[in-house]
Amino acid sequence: MTEPVTCAECVHFRPDEINPPAGLGWCPLRKVSRYPMAPHYCRQREEAEATPAS
């Protein structure tokens, strides 16, 4: 991985319940708290696959 990523679009990330866009959330895979838009390196990040429109 060469580019830093964010947790905001990761399927594993659990956002803060009070302030989802900016609050400190939780990554259950790495067992760490992260801000959704803070860039960092992560090999476990997965984006939800887009479903084709019918």
N, C-alpha and C. Protein backbone atom coordinates (compact mmCIF):
# COMPACT_ATOMS: atom_id res chain seq x y z
N MET A 1 0.86 -1.18 0.00
CA MET A 1 0.00 0.00 0.00
C MET A 1 0.90 1.23 0.00
N THR A 2 0.62 2.12 -0.93
CA THR A 2 1.47 3.29 -1.05
C THR A 2 0.79 4.57 -0.61
N GLU A 3 -0.52 4.61 -0.64
CA GLU A 3 -1.25 5.82 -0.28
C GLU A 3 -1.96 5.65 1.05
N PRO A 4 -1.96 6.68 1.88
CA PRO A 4 -2.77 6.61 3.10
C PRO A 4 -4.26 6.58 2.76
N VAL A 5 -5.05 5.96 3.60
CA VAL A 5 -6.49 5.85 3.40
C VAL A 5 -7.21 6.41 4.62
N THR A 6 -8.52 6.52 4.55
CA THR A 6 -9.32 6.95 5.70
C THR A 6 -10.31 5.84 6.05
N CYS A 7 -10.85 5.88 7.23
CA CYS A 7 -11.81 4.87 7.69
C CYS A 7 -13.24 5.18 7.27
N ALA A 8 -13.51 6.38 6.83
CA ALA A 8 -14.88 6.84 6.60
C ALA A 8 -15.72 5.90 5.74
N GLU A 9 -15.15 5.30 4.71
CA GLU A 9 -15.92 4.44 3.81
C GLU A 9 -15.67 2.95 4.05
N CYS A 10 -14.94 2.60 5.06
CA CYS A 10 -14.62 1.20 5.34
C CYS A 10 -15.82 0.48 5.95
N VAL A 11 -16.09 -0.73 5.50
CA VAL A 11 -17.23 -1.49 6.00
C VAL A 11 -17.02 -1.94 7.45
N HIS A 12 -15.79 -1.99 7.91
CA HIS A 12 -15.50 -2.43 9.27
C HIS A 12 -15.63 -1.31 10.30
N PHE A 13 -15.49 -0.07 9.87
CA PHE A 13 -15.46 1.07 10.78
C PHE A 13 -16.81 1.29 11.45
N ARG A 14 -16.79 1.51 12.74
CA ARG A 14 -18.00 1.81 13.52
C ARG A 14 -17.94 3.27 13.94
N PRO A 15 -18.76 4.15 13.30
CA PRO A 15 -18.69 5.57 13.60
C PRO A 15 -19.21 5.91 15.00
N ASP A 16 -18.80 7.06 15.47
CA ASP A 16 -19.28 7.59 16.75
C ASP A 16 -20.79 7.80 16.65
N GLU A 17 -21.54 7.42 17.66
CA GLU A 17 -22.99 7.53 17.61
C GLU A 17 -23.49 8.96 17.76
N ILE A 18 -22.74 9.80 18.46
CA ILE A 18 -23.17 11.17 18.69
C ILE A 18 -22.80 12.08 17.52
N ASN A 19 -21.61 11.91 16.96
CA ASN A 19 -21.14 12.76 15.87
C ASN A 19 -20.51 11.89 14.79
N PRO A 20 -21.31 11.15 14.00
CA PRO A 20 -20.76 10.20 13.03
C PRO A 20 -19.76 10.77 12.02
N PRO A 21 -19.96 11.99 11.46
CA PRO A 21 -19.01 12.45 10.45
C PRO A 21 -17.63 12.80 10.99
N ALA A 22 -17.53 13.20 12.24
CA ALA A 22 -16.24 13.68 12.74
C ALA A 22 -15.80 13.07 14.06
N GLY A 23 -16.69 12.35 14.73
CA GLY A 23 -16.35 11.80 16.04
C GLY A 23 -15.43 10.59 15.96
N LEU A 24 -14.78 10.33 17.04
CA LEU A 24 -13.85 9.21 17.14
C LEU A 24 -14.63 7.89 17.07
N GLY A 25 -14.32 7.08 16.05
CA GLY A 25 -15.00 5.81 15.86
C GLY A 25 -14.10 4.64 16.24
N TRP A 26 -14.55 3.44 15.93
CA TRP A 26 -13.86 2.23 16.37
C TRP A 26 -13.63 1.28 15.20
N CYS A 27 -12.43 0.71 15.13
CA CYS A 27 -12.13 -0.32 14.13
C CYS A 27 -12.01 -1.65 14.87
N PRO A 28 -12.99 -2.54 14.71
CA PRO A 28 -12.95 -3.82 15.42
C PRO A 28 -11.84 -4.76 14.95
N LEU A 29 -11.41 -4.63 13.70
CA LEU A 29 -10.34 -5.50 13.21
C LEU A 29 -8.99 -5.17 13.83
N ARG A 30 -8.69 -3.90 13.90
CA ARG A 30 -7.40 -3.47 14.43
C ARG A 30 -7.46 -3.14 15.92
N LYS A 31 -8.69 -3.08 16.45
CA LYS A 31 -8.92 -2.76 17.86
C LYS A 31 -8.30 -1.43 18.25
N VAL A 32 -8.61 -0.41 17.43
CA VAL A 32 -8.13 0.94 17.67
C VAL A 32 -9.25 1.94 17.41
N SER A 33 -9.15 3.09 18.03
CA SER A 33 -10.06 4.20 17.75
C SER A 33 -9.44 5.07 16.69
N ARG A 34 -10.26 5.55 15.77
CA ARG A 34 -9.77 6.39 14.67
C ARG A 34 -10.80 7.48 14.37
N TYR A 35 -10.29 8.60 13.84
CA TYR A 35 -11.17 9.62 13.29
C TYR A 35 -11.48 9.22 11.85
N PRO A 36 -12.71 9.36 11.39
CA PRO A 36 -13.10 8.85 10.08
C PRO A 36 -12.34 9.46 8.89
N MET A 37 -11.88 10.68 9.02
CA MET A 37 -11.21 11.33 7.89
C MET A 37 -9.69 11.47 8.09
N ALA A 38 -9.13 10.87 9.12
CA ALA A 38 -7.70 10.95 9.36
C ALA A 38 -6.95 9.94 8.48
N PRO A 39 -6.06 10.41 7.62
CA PRO A 39 -5.31 9.49 6.75
C PRO A 39 -4.32 8.64 7.54
N HIS A 40 -4.25 7.36 7.17
CA HIS A 40 -3.30 6.43 7.79
C HIS A 40 -3.16 5.22 6.85
N TYR A 41 -2.25 4.34 7.17
CA TYR A 41 -2.05 3.14 6.35
C TYR A 41 -2.80 1.97 6.97
N CYS A 42 -3.54 1.22 6.17
CA CYS A 42 -4.34 0.10 6.68
C CYS A 42 -4.48 -0.96 5.59
N ARG A 43 -4.12 -2.19 5.90
CA ARG A 43 -4.27 -3.28 4.94
C ARG A 43 -5.63 -3.95 5.02
N GLN A 44 -6.36 -3.73 6.11
CA GLN A 44 -7.66 -4.38 6.29
C GLN A 44 -8.83 -3.57 5.75
N ARG A 45 -8.60 -2.38 5.24
CA ARG A 45 -9.69 -1.52 4.80
C ARG A 45 -10.41 -2.14 3.61
N GLU A 46 -11.74 -2.16 3.69
CA GLU A 46 -12.57 -2.68 2.59
C GLU A 46 -13.74 -1.72 2.37
N GLU A 47 -13.96 -1.35 1.14
CA GLU A 47 -15.11 -0.52 0.80
C GLU A 47 -16.26 -1.41 0.40
N ALA A 48 -17.47 -0.98 0.71
CA ALA A 48 -18.65 -1.73 0.29
C ALA A 48 -18.71 -1.71 -1.23
N GLU A 49 -19.02 -2.84 -1.82
CA GLU A 49 -19.13 -2.90 -3.28
C GLU A 49 -20.42 -2.25 -3.72
N ALA A 50 -20.33 -1.47 -4.77
CA ALA A 50 -21.51 -0.80 -5.31
C ALA A 50 -22.41 -1.84 -5.96
N THR A 51 -23.69 -1.77 -5.66
CA THR A 51 -24.63 -2.69 -6.28
C THR A 51 -25.17 -2.05 -7.55
N PRO A 52 -25.26 -2.81 -8.62
CA PRO A 52 -25.74 -2.24 -9.88
C PRO A 52 -27.20 -1.82 -9.78
N ALA A 53 -27.52 -0.70 -10.40
CA ALA A 53 -28.90 -0.22 -10.40
C ALA A 53 -29.76 -1.12 -11.30
N SER A 54 -30.98 -1.40 -10.84
CA SER A 54 -31.88 -2.26 -11.63
C SER A 54 -32.71 -1.45 -12.59
